[in-house]
PDB file of N, CA and C in Angstrom:
ATOM      1  N   MET A   1      58.474 -75.416  16.559  1.00  0.00           N
ATOM      2  CA  MET A   1      57.282 -75.707  16.320  1.00  0.00           C
ATOM      3  C   MET A   1      56.592 -75.483  14.907  1.00  0.00           C
ATOM      4  N   ARG A   2      56.613 -75.411  14.087  1.00  0.00           N
ATOM      5  CA  ARG A   2      55.974 -74.753  12.921  1.00  0.00           C
ATOM      6  C   ARG A   2      54.765 -75.008  12.564  1.00  0.00           C
ATOM      7  N   PRO A   3      53.644 -74.013  12.506  1.00  0.00           N
ATOM      8  CA  PRO A   3      52.519 -74.285  12.099  1.00  0.00           C
ATOM      9  C   PRO A   3      52.030 -74.787  10.906  1.00  0.00           C
ATOM     10  N   PRO A   4      50.686 -75.705  11.103  1.00  0.00           N
ATOM     11  CA  PRO A   4      50.849 -76.370  10.044  1.00  0.00           C
ATOM     12  C   PRO A   4      50.704 -75.564   8.933  1.00  0.00           C
ATOM     13  N   GLU A   5      50.733 -77.050   7.456  1.00  0.00           N
ATOM     14  CA  GLU A   5      51.021 -75.718   6.417  1.00  0.00           C
ATOM     15  C   GLU A   5      49.383 -76.155   5.490  1.00  0.00           C
ATOM     16  N   PHE A   6      48.567 -74.859   5.009  1.00  0.00           N
ATOM     17  CA  PHE A   6      47.956 -75.588   4.263  1.00  0.00           C
ATOM     18  C   PHE A   6      47.685 -75.650   2.769  1.00  0.00           C
ATOM     19  N   PRO A   7      47.049 -75.910   2.470  1.00  0.00           N
ATOM     20  CA  PRO A   7      47.222 -76.207   0.832  1.00  0.00           C
ATOM     21  C   PRO A   7      47.328 -74.420   0.285  1.00  0.00           C
ATOM     22  N   PRO A   8      48.155 -74.730  -0.849  1.00  0.00           N
ATOM     23  CA  PRO A   8      47.613 -73.178  -1.616  1.00  0.00           C
ATOM     24  C   PRO A   8      46.566 -73.219  -2.423  1.00  0.00           C
ATOM     25  N   LEU A   9      46.174 -71.622  -2.497  1.00  0.00           N
ATOM     26  CA  LEU A   9      45.310 -71.784  -2.897  1.00  0.00           C
ATOM     27  C   LEU A   9      45.148 -71.241  -4.840  1.00  0.00           C
ATOM     28  N   PRO A  10      44.019 -72.058  -5.048  1.00  0.00           N
ATOM     29  CA  PRO A  10      44.328 -72.163  -6.883  1.00  0.00           C
ATOM     30  C   PRO A  10      44.399 -70.405  -7.300  1.00  0.00           C
ATOM     31  N   ALA A  11      44.837 -70.453  -8.342  1.00  0.00           N
ATOM     32  CA  ALA A  11      45.114 -69.123  -8.890  1.00  0.00           C
ATOM     33  C   ALA A  11      44.417 -68.605  -9.623  1.00  0.00           C
ATOM     34  N   LEU A  12      44.069 -66.996  -8.942  1.00  0.00           N
ATOM     35  CA  LEU A  12      42.978 -66.617  -9.219  1.00  0.00           C
ATOM     36  C   LEU A  12      43.104 -65.454  -9.460  1.00  0.00           C
ATOM     37  N   THR A  13      41.918 -64.407 -10.083  1.00  0.00           N
ATOM     38  CA  THR A  13      42.572 -62.561 -11.018  1.00  0.00           C
ATOM     39  C   THR A  13      42.093 -62.582  -9.253  1.00  0.00           C
ATOM     40  N   CYS A  14      42.777 -61.229  -9.478  1.00  0.00           N
ATOM     41  CA  CYS A  14      42.342 -60.558  -8.322  1.00  0.00           C
ATOM     42  C   CYS A  14      40.839 -59.953  -8.114  1.00  0.00           C
ATOM     43  N   ALA A  15      40.295 -59.753  -9.327  1.00  0.00           N
ATOM     44  CA  ALA A  15      38.786 -59.589  -8.848  1.00  0.00           C
ATOM     45  C   ALA A  15      38.046 -60.879  -8.283  1.00  0.00           C
ATOM     46  N   GLU A  16      38.538 -62.431  -8.360  1.00  0.00           N
ATOM     47  CA  GLU A  16      38.330 -63.904  -8.019  1.00  0.00           C
ATOM     48  C   GLU A  16      38.324 -63.716  -6.922  1.00  0.00           C
ATOM     49  N   GLY A  17      39.515 -63.521  -6.206  1.00  0.00           N
ATOM     50  CA  GLY A  17      40.223 -62.996  -4.826  1.00  0.00           C
ATOM     51  C   GLY A  17      39.149 -62.160  -4.084  1.00  0.00           C
ATOM     52  N   GLU A  18      38.887 -61.523  -4.680  1.00  0.00           N
ATOM     53  CA  GLU A  18      38.033 -60.268  -4.202  1.00  0.00           C
ATOM     54  C   GLU A  18      36.703 -60.793  -4.069  1.00  0.00           C
ATOM     55  N   PHE A  19      36.063 -61.700  -5.120  1.00  0.00           N
ATOM     56  CA  PHE A  19      34.591 -61.999  -5.072  1.00  0.00           C
ATOM     57  C   PHE A  19      34.611 -63.111  -3.550  1.00  0.00           C
ATOM     58  N   ILE A  20      36.074 -63.783  -3.884  1.00  0.00           N
ATOM     59  CA  ILE A  20      35.671 -64.865  -2.953  1.00  0.00           C
ATOM     60  C   ILE A  20      35.578 -64.458  -1.251  1.00  0.00           C
ATOM     61  N   ASP A  21      36.695 -63.166  -1.177  1.00  0.00           N
ATOM     62  CA  ASP A  21      36.825 -62.375   0.384  1.00  0.00           C
ATOM     63  C   ASP A  21      35.210 -61.736   0.534  1.00  0.00           C
ATOM     64  N   ARG A  22      35.030 -61.372  -0.140  1.00  0.00           N
ATOM     65  CA  ARG A  22      33.659 -60.680   0.008  1.00  0.00           C
ATOM     66  C   ARG A  22      32.428 -61.420   0.462  1.00  0.00           C
ATOM     67  N   TYR A  23      31.863 -62.766  -0.079  1.00  0.00           N
ATOM     68  CA  TYR A  23      30.768 -63.920  -0.700  1.00  0.00           C
ATOM     69  C   TYR A  23      31.654 -64.140   0.981  1.00  0.00           C
ATOM     70  N   LEU A  24      32.680 -64.501   1.480  1.00  0.00           N
ATOM     71  CA  LEU A  24      32.499 -65.229   2.916  1.00  0.00           C
ATOM     72  C   LEU A  24      32.527 -64.730   4.187  1.00  0.00           C
ATOM     73  N   GLU A  25      32.904 -62.872   3.550  1.00  0.00           N
ATOM     74  CA  GLU A  25      31.975 -61.749   4.823  1.00  0.00           C
ATOM     75  C   GLU A  25      30.649 -62.034   5.053  1.00  0.00           C
ATOM     76  N   VAL A  26      30.342 -61.994   3.799  1.00  0.00           N
ATOM     77  CA  VAL A  26      28.545 -61.769   3.559  1.00  0.00           C
ATOM     78  C   VAL A  26      28.128 -63.765   4.087  1.00  0.00           C
ATOM     79  N   LEU A  27      28.879 -64.820   3.751  1.00  0.00           N
ATOM     80  CA  LEU A  27      28.448 -65.626   5.190  1.00  0.00           C
ATOM     81  C   LEU A  27      28.730 -65.592   6.229  1.00  0.00           C
ATOM     82  N   ASP A  28      29.381 -64.926   7.090  1.00  0.00           N
ATOM     83  CA  ASP A  28      29.625 -64.698   8.227  1.00  0.00           C
ATOM     84  C   ASP A  28      28.981 -63.900   8.584  1.00  0.00           C
ATOM     85  N   GLN A  29      28.396 -62.983   8.466  1.00  0.00           N
ATOM     86  CA  GLN A  29      27.545 -62.243   8.668  1.00  0.00           C
ATOM     87  C   GLN A  29      25.483 -62.874   9.081  1.00  0.00           C
ATOM     88  N   LEU A  30      25.544 -63.513   7.946  1.00  0.00           N
ATOM     89  CA  LEU A  30      24.411 -64.098   7.363  1.00  0.00           C
ATOM     90  C   LEU A  30      24.713 -65.243   8.998  1.00  0.00           C
ATOM     91  N   GLY A  31      25.760 -66.128   8.710  1.00  0.00           N
ATOM     92  CA  GLY A  31      25.560 -66.898  10.047  1.00  0.00           C
ATOM     93  C   GLY A  31      25.421 -66.677  11.107  1.00  0.00           C
ATOM     94  N   ARG A  32      25.384 -65.149  11.487  1.00  0.00           N
ATOM     95  CA  ARG A  32      26.123 -64.067  13.288  1.00  0.00           C
ATOM     96  C   ARG A  32      24.313 -64.075  13.200  1.00  0.00           C
ATOM     97  N   ILE A  33      23.615 -63.720  12.123  1.00  0.00           N
ATOM     98  CA  ILE A  33      21.791 -63.612  11.718  1.00  0.00           C
ATOM     99  C   ILE A  33      21.511 -64.436  11.813  1.00  0.00           C
ATOM    100  N   ASN A  34      21.705 -65.973  11.808  1.00  0.00           N
ATOM    101  CA  ASN A  34      21.015 -67.214  11.723  1.00  0.00           C
ATOM    102  C   ASN A  34      20.369 -67.453  13.250  1.00  0.00           C
ATOM    103  N   PRO A  35      18.414 -67.258  12.803  1.00  0.00           N
ATOM    104  CA  PRO A  35      18.293 -67.398  14.463  1.00  0.00           C
ATOM    105  C   PRO A  35      17.951 -68.646  15.259  1.00  0.00           C
ATOM    106  N   ALA A  36      18.496 -69.483  14.030  1.00  0.00           N
ATOM    107  CA  ALA A  36      18.491 -71.279  14.761  1.00  0.00           C
ATOM    108  C   ALA A  36      19.920 -71.050  15.450  1.00  0.00           C
ATOM    109  N   ARG A  37      20.872 -70.298  15.630  1.00  0.00           N
ATOM    110  CA  ARG A  37      21.730 -70.645  15.980  1.00  0.00           C
ATOM    111  C   ARG A  37      22.239 -68.823  17.010  1.00  0.00           C
ATOM    112  N   GLY A  38      21.626 -68.072  16.732  1.00  0.00           N
ATOM    113  CA  GLY A  38      21.694 -67.223  18.002  1.00  0.00           C
ATOM    114  C   GLY A  38      20.939 -66.644  19.116  1.00  0.00           C
ATOM    115  N   SER A  39      21.982 -65.781  20.094  1.00  0.00           N
ATOM    116  CA  SER A  39      21.545 -66.293  21.429  1.00  0.00           C
ATOM    117  C   SER A  39      21.164 -64.416  21.954  1.00  0.00           C
ATOM    118  N   ASP A  40      21.237 -63.554  20.973  1.00  0.00           N
ATOM    119  CA  ASP A  40      21.204 -62.677  21.256  1.00  0.00           C
ATOM    120  C   ASP A  40      20.683 -61.204  20.212  1.00  0.00           C
ATOM    121  N   THR A  41      19.718 -60.605  20.230  1.00  0.00           N
ATOM    122  CA  THR A  41      19.199 -59.672  19.317  1.00  0.00           C
ATOM    123  C   THR A  41      19.884 -58.863  19.014  1.00  0.00           C
ATOM    124  N   TYR A  42      21.109 -58.399  20.078  1.00  0.00           N
ATOM    125  CA  TYR A  42      21.525 -57.317  19.770  1.00  0.00           C
ATOM    126  C   TYR A  42      22.645 -57.646  18.298  1.00  0.00           C
ATOM    127  N   GLY A  43      22.878 -58.834  18.910  1.00  0.00           N
ATOM    128  CA  GLY A  43      24.608 -59.401  18.422  1.00  0.00           C
ATOM    129  C   GLY A  43      23.839 -59.572  17.073  1.00  0.00           C
ATOM    130  N   ALA A  44      22.683 -60.003  16.375  1.00  0.00           N
ATOM    131  CA  ALA A  44      21.922 -59.914  15.175  1.00  0.00           C
ATOM    132  C   ALA A  44      21.776 -58.843  14.711  1.00  0.00           C
ATOM    133  N   LEU A  45      21.572 -57.557  15.180  1.00  0.00           N
ATOM    134  CA  LEU A  45      21.107 -56.779  15.191  1.00  0.00           C
ATOM    135  C   LEU A  45      22.611 -56.111  14.051  1.00  0.00           C
ATOM    136  N   ARG A  46      23.391 -56.000  14.631  1.00  0.00           N
ATOM    137  CA  ARG A  46      25.132 -55.746  14.609  1.00  0.00           C
ATOM    138  C   ARG A  46      25.349 -56.544  13.189  1.00  0.00           C
ATOM    139  N   ALA A  47      24.823 -57.448  13.104  1.00  0.00           N
ATOM    140  CA  ALA A  47      25.420 -58.560  12.343  1.00  0.00           C
ATOM    141  C   ALA A  47      24.677 -58.074  10.892  1.00  0.00           C
ATOM    142  N   ALA A  48      23.682 -58.204  11.085  1.00  0.00           N
ATOM    143  CA  ALA A  48      22.610 -57.264   9.811  1.00  0.00           C
ATOM    144  C   ALA A  48      22.886 -55.716   9.538  1.00  0.00           C
ATOM    145  N   GLN A  49      23.665 -55.262  10.450  1.00  0.00           N
ATOM    146  CA  GLN A  49      23.631 -53.494   9.975  1.00  0.00           C
ATOM    147  C   GLN A  49      25.114 -54.081   8.938  1.00  0.00           C
ATOM    148  N   ALA A  50      25.720 -54.939  10.001  1.00  0.00           N
ATOM    149  CA  ALA A  50      27.472 -55.003   8.620  1.00  0.00           C
ATOM    150  C   ALA A  50      27.047 -55.458   7.440  1.00  0.00           C
ATOM    151  N   LEU A  51      26.155 -56.311   7.681  1.00  0.00           N
ATOM    152  CA  LEU A  51      25.575 -57.389   5.957  1.00  0.00           C
ATOM    153  C   LEU A  51      25.215 -56.544   4.921  1.00  0.00           C
ATOM    154  N   VAL A  52      24.741 -55.073   5.112  1.00  0.00           N
ATOM    155  CA  VAL A  52      24.448 -54.311   3.974  1.00  0.00           C
ATOM    156  C   VAL A  52      25.574 -53.969   3.077  1.00  0.00           C
ATOM    157  N   SER A  53      26.672 -53.830   4.477  1.00  0.00           N
ATOM    158  CA  SER A  53      28.247 -52.998   3.422  1.00  0.00           C
ATOM    159  C   SER A  53      29.019 -54.085   2.761  1.00  0.00           C
ATOM    160  N   HIS A  54      28.713 -55.494   3.796  1.00  0.00           N
ATOM    161  CA  HIS A  54      29.246 -56.711   3.150  1.00  0.00           C
ATOM    162  C   HIS A  54      28.767 -56.848   1.193  1.00  0.00           C
ATOM    163  N   ALA A  55      27.338 -56.823   1.881  1.00  0.00           N
ATOM    164  CA  ALA A  55      26.842 -57.297   0.778  1.00  0.00           C
ATOM    165  C   ALA A  55      26.793 -56.072  -0.525  1.00  0.00           C
ATOM    166  N   GLY A  56      27.138 -55.220  -0.283  1.00  0.00           N
ATOM    167  CA  GLY A  56      27.390 -54.130  -1.026  1.00  0.00           C
ATOM    168  C   GLY A  56      29.259 -54.676  -1.825  1.00  0.00           C
ATOM    169  N   ALA A  57      29.627 -54.393  -0.832  1.00  0.00           N
ATOM    170  CA  ALA A  57      31.244 -54.608  -1.545  1.00  0.00           C
ATOM    171  C   ALA A  57      31.013 -56.030  -2.409  1.00  0.00           C
ATOM    172  N   LEU A  58      30.299 -57.491  -1.943  1.00  0.00           N
ATOM    173  CA  LEU A  58      30.154 -57.770  -2.780  1.00  0.00           C
ATOM    174  C   LEU A  58      29.348 -57.545  -4.432  1.00  0.00           C
ATOM    175  N   ARG A  59      28.674 -56.819  -4.325  1.00  0.00           N
ATOM    176  CA  ARG A  59      28.165 -56.996  -5.860  1.00  0.00           C
ATOM    177  C   ARG A  59      29.082 -55.695  -6.439  1.00  0.00           C
ATOM    178  N   ASP A  60      29.967 -54.997  -5.864  1.00  0.00           N
ATOM    179  CA  ASP A  60      31.072 -54.300  -6.399  1.00  0.00           C
ATOM    180  C   ASP A  60      32.480 -55.094  -6.989  1.00  0.00           C
ATOM    181  N   ALA A  61      32.358 -56.005  -6.518  1.00  0.00           N
ATOM    182  CA  ALA A  61      33.882 -57.168  -6.753  1.00  0.00           C
ATOM    183  C   ALA A  61      33.253 -57.823  -7.880  1.00  0.00           C
ATOM    184  N   LEU A  62      31.520 -58.217  -7.802  1.00  0.00           N
ATOM    185  CA  LEU A  62      31.187 -59.149  -9.308  1.00  0.00           C
ATOM    186  C   LEU A  62      30.921 -57.964 -10.617  1.00  0.00           C
ATOM    187  N   ALA A  63      30.458 -56.331  -9.851  1.00  0.00           N
ATOM    188  CA  ALA A  63      30.775 -56.133 -11.100  1.00  0.00           C
ATOM    189  C   ALA A  63      31.985 -55.375 -11.283  1.00  0.00           C
ATOM    190  N   SER A  64      33.327 -55.700 -11.123  1.00  0.00           N
ATOM    191  CA  SER A  64      34.566 -55.386 -11.177  1.00  0.00           C
ATOM    192  C   SER A  64      34.996 -56.353 -12.396  1.00  0.00           C
ATOM    193  N   MET A  65      34.619 -57.671 -12.090  1.00  0.00           N
ATOM    194  CA  MET A  65      34.597 -59.235 -12.579  1.00  0.00           C
ATOM    195  C   MET A  65      33.885 -58.897 -14.153  1.00  0.00           C
ATOM    196  N   HIS A  66      32.755 -58.400 -13.661  1.00  0.00           N
ATOM    197  CA  HIS A  66      32.174 -57.992 -15.368  1.00  0.00           C
ATOM    198  C   HIS A  66      32.719 -57.266 -15.824  1.00  0.00           C
ATOM    199  N   GLU A  67      33.424 -56.021 -15.719  1.00  0.00           N
ATOM    200  CA  GLU A  67      33.520 -54.708 -16.322  1.00  0.00           C
ATOM    201  C   GLU A  67      34.875 -55.294 -16.749  1.00  0.00           C
ATOM    202  N   ARG A  68      35.639 -56.262 -16.382  1.00  0.00           N
ATOM    203  CA  ARG A  68      36.883 -56.839 -16.610  1.00  0.00           C
ATOM    204  C   ARG A  68      37.073 -57.634 -17.800  1.00  0.00           C
ATOM    205  N   GLY A  69      35.685 -58.219 -17.962  1.00  0.00           N
ATOM    206  CA  GLY A  69      35.676 -59.146 -19.163  1.00  0.00           C
ATOM    207  C   GLY A  69      35.632 -60.582 -18.395  1.00  0.00           C
ATOM    208  N   GLU A  70      35.451 -60.291 -17.448  1.00  0.00           N
ATOM    209  CA  GLU A  70      35.583 -61.739 -16.584  1.00  0.00           C
ATOM    210  C   GLU A  70      33.861 -62.927 -16.959  1.00  0.00           C
ATOM    211  N   ALA A  71      33.751 -62.704 -17.475  1.00  0.00           N
ATOM    212  CA  ALA A  71      31.913 -63.144 -17.961  1.00  0.00           C
ATOM    213  C   ALA A  71      32.190 -64.654 -17.096  1.00  0.00           C
ATOM    214  N   GLN A  72      33.187 -65.904 -16.737  1.00  0.00           N
ATOM    215  CA  GLN A  72      32.970 -66.982 -16.419  1.00  0.00           C
ATOM    216  C   GLN A  72      33.067 -66.938 -14.868  1.00  0.00           C
ATOM    217  N   ILE A  73      32.367 -67.371 -14.190  1.00  0.00           N
ATOM    218  CA  ILE A  73      32.607 -68.013 -12.829  1.00  0.00           C
ATOM    219  C   ILE A  73      33.412 -69.557 -12.612  1.00  0.00           C
ATOM    220  N   HIS A  74      34.247 -69.714 -12.680  1.00  0.00           N
ATOM    221  CA  HIS A  74      34.761 -70.544 -12.635  1.00  0.00           C
ATOM    222  C   HIS A  74      34.435 -70.955 -11.301  1.00  0.00           C
ATOM    223  N   ALA A  75      33.271 -72.394 -11.184  1.00  0.00           N
ATOM    224  CA  ALA A  75      32.735 -73.337  -9.726  1.00  0.00           C
ATOM    225  C   ALA A  75      34.059 -73.953  -9.545  1.00  0.00           C
ATOM    226  N   THR A  76      34.640 -74.373 -10.080  1.00  0.00           N
ATOM    227  CA  THR A  76      35.202 -76.028  -9.908  1.00  0.00           C
ATOM    228  C   THR A  76      36.315 -74.987  -8.812  1.00  0.00           C
ATOM    229  N   THR A  77      37.508 -73.933  -9.724  1.00  0.00           N
ATOM    230  CA  THR A  77      38.653 -73.213  -8.989  1.00  0.00           C
ATOM    231  C   THR A  77      38.226 -72.823  -7.766  1.00  0.00           C
ATOM    232  N   LEU A  78      36.657 -72.277  -7.759  1.00  0.00           N
ATOM    233  CA  LEU A  78      36.151 -70.732  -6.776  1.00  0.00           C
ATOM    234  C   LEU A  78      35.721 -71.822  -5.731  1.00  0.00           C
ATOM    235  N   ALA A  79      35.000 -73.063  -5.676  1.00  0.00           N
ATOM    236  CA  ALA A  79      34.621 -74.078  -4.658  1.00  0.00           C
ATOM    237  C   ALA A  79      36.021 -74.838  -3.901  1.00  0.00           C
ATOM    238  N   ARG A  80      37.370 -74.721  -4.533  1.00  0.00           N
ATOM    239  CA  ARG A  80      38.351 -75.711  -4.098  1.00  0.00           C
ATOM    240  C   ARG A  80      38.796 -73.880  -3.086  1.00  0.00           C
ATOM    241  N   ALA A  81      38.999 -72.761  -3.819  1.00  0.00           N
ATOM    242  CA  ALA A  81      39.368 -72.026  -3.032  1.00  0.00           C
ATOM    243  C   ALA A  81      38.566 -71.330  -1.469  1.00  0.00           C
ATOM    244  N   LEU A  82      37.077 -72.032  -2.033  1.00  0.00           N
ATOM    245  CA  LEU A  82      36.495 -71.888  -0.799  1.00  0.00           C
ATOM    246  C   LEU A  82      36.532 -72.757   0.394  1.00  0.00           C
ATOM    247  N   ARG A  83      36.799 -73.955  -0.266  1.00  0.00           N
ATOM    248  CA  ARG A  83      37.287 -74.910   0.910  1.00  0.00           C
ATOM    249  C   ARG A  83      38.817 -74.777   1.666  1.00  0.00           C
ATOM    250  N   ILE A  84      39.982 -74.510   1.368  1.00  0.00           N
ATOM    251  CA  ILE A  84      40.869 -74.039   1.838  1.00  0.00           C
ATOM    252  C   ILE A  84      40.809 -72.886   2.573  1.00  0.00           C
ATOM    253  N   LEU A  85      39.727 -71.984   2.235  1.00  0.00           N
ATOM    254  CA  LEU A  85      39.418 -70.704   3.107  1.00  0.00           C
ATOM    255  C   LEU A  85      38.288 -71.579   4.527  1.00  0.00           C
ATOM    256  N   ASP A  86      38.181 -72.353   4.518  1.00  0.00           N
ATOM    257  CA  ASP A  86      37.137 -73.317   6.045  1.00  0.00           C
ATOM    258  C   ASP A  86      35.760 -72.163   5.132  1.00  0.00           C
ATOM    259  N   GLY A  87      35.496 -72.255   4.101  1.00  0.00           N
ATOM    260  CA  GLY A  87      34.222 -71.834   3.340  1.00  0.00           C
ATOM    261  C   GLY A  87      32.726 -73.256   3.863  1.00  0.00           C
ATOM    262  N   GLU A  88      32.969 -74.181   3.921  1.00  0.00           N
ATOM    263  CA  GLU A  88      32.420 -75.086   3.911  1.00  0.00           C
ATOM    264  C   GLU A  88      32.005 -74.423   5.690  1.00  0.00           C
ATOM    265  N   ARG A  89      32.678 -74.590   6.647  1.00  0.00           N
ATOM    266  CA  ARG A  89      32.093 -74.634   7.793  1.00  0.00           C
ATOM    267  C   ARG A  89      31.338 -73.280   8.287  1.00  0.00           C
ATOM    268  N   ARG A  90      31.846 -72.068   7.822  1.00  0.00           N
ATOM    269  CA  ARG A  90      31.575 -70.343   7.338  1.00  0.00           C
ATOM    270  C   ARG A  90      29.939 -70.597   6.974  1.00  0.00           C
ATOM    271  N   ALA A  91      29.769 -71.699   5.702  1.00  0.00           N
ATOM    272  CA  ALA A  91      28.532 -72.036   5.284  1.00  0.00           C
ATOM    273  C   ALA A  91      27.198 -72.506   6.122  1.00  0.00           C
ATOM    274  N   GLY A  92      28.445 -73.387   6.750  1.00  0.00           N
ATOM    275  CA  GLY A  92      26.977 -74.190   7.381  1.00  0.00           C
ATOM    276  C   GLY A  92      26.586 -73.952   8.569  1.00  0.00           C
ATOM    277  N   ARG A  93      26.768 -72.233   9.144  1.00  0.00           N
ATOM    278  CA  ARG A  93      26.407 -71.528  10.117  1.00  0.00           C
ATOM    279  C   ARG A  93      24.973 -71.336   9.333  1.00  0.00           C
ATOM    280  N   VAL A  94      24.929 -71.029   8.328  1.00  0.00           N
ATOM    281  CA  VAL A  94      23.908 -70.086   7.856  1.00  0.00           C
ATOM    282  C   VAL A  94      22.686 -71.461   7.661  1.00  0.00           C
ATOM    283  N   THR A  95      22.584 -72.665   8.258  1.00  0.00           N
ATOM    284  CA  THR A  95      21.827 -73.624   7.647  1.00  0.00           C
ATOM    285  C   THR A  95      20.987 -73.433   9.325  1.00  0.00           C
ATOM    286  N   VAL A  96      20.034 -74.423   8.781  1.00  0.00           N
ATOM    287  CA  VAL A  96      19.545 -74.723  10.355  1.00  0.00           C
ATOM    288  C   VAL A  96      20.460 -76.092  10.683  1.00  0.00           C
ATOM    289  N   PRO A  97      20.756 -75.695  11.985  1.00  0.00           N
ATOM    290  CA  PRO A  97      20.962 -76.944  12.501  1.00  0.00           C
ATOM    291  C   PRO A  97      20.184 -78.737  12.631  1.00  0.00           C
ATOM    292  N   PRO A  98      20.895 -79.009  13.173  1.00  0.00           N
ATOM    293  CA  PRO A  98      19.551 -80.978  13.223  1.00  0.00           C
ATOM    294  C   PRO A  98      19.304 -80.604  14.738  1.00  0.00           C
ATOM    295  N   ALA A  99      17.810 -81.451  14.546  1.00  0.00           N
ATOM    296  CA  ALA A  99      17.439 -81.786  15.256  1.00  0.00           C
ATOM    297  C   ALA A  99      17.844 -82.122  16.256  1.00  0.00           C
ATOM    298  N   PRO A 100      17.645 -82.255  17.962  1.00  0.00           N
ATOM    299  CA  PRO A 100      18.588 -82.646  18.848  1.00  0.00           C
ATOM    300  C   PRO A 100      17.766 -84.114  18.559  1.00  0.00           C
ATOM    301  N   THR A 101      18.920 -84.735  19.321  1.00  0.00           N
ATOM    302  CA  THR A 101      18.154 -86.880  19.122  1.00  0.00           C
ATOM    303  C   THR A 101      17.780 -86.843  20.962  1.00  0.00           C
ATOM    304  N   SER A 102      17.071 -87.578  20.893  1.00  0.00           N
ATOM    305  CA  SER A 102      16.210 -87.796  22.039  1.00  0.00           C
ATOM    306  C   SER A 102      15.802 -89.374  22.637  1.00  0.00           C
TER     307      SER A 102
END
């Protein structure tokens, strides 16, 4: 039995791919830090420490794009890539969860 096939990623430059990857890493760390979703301070502390290096890598990816003359962020294409890479779920971990209904 074959695993499900995911839709192909849109055509991205290497710098755009790096930008998306680093952005998702930052989102993942922010989701782990989120006090509305966390369970312990140590896990949040470790995620906050990792966030520093991931944010630096994101900055470097954007600087690389800028230096290569990639002045435009093609939001539609990059949003499609984020959706394929589960960005909506990953970004959802950064938000405050809905209030419980009673």
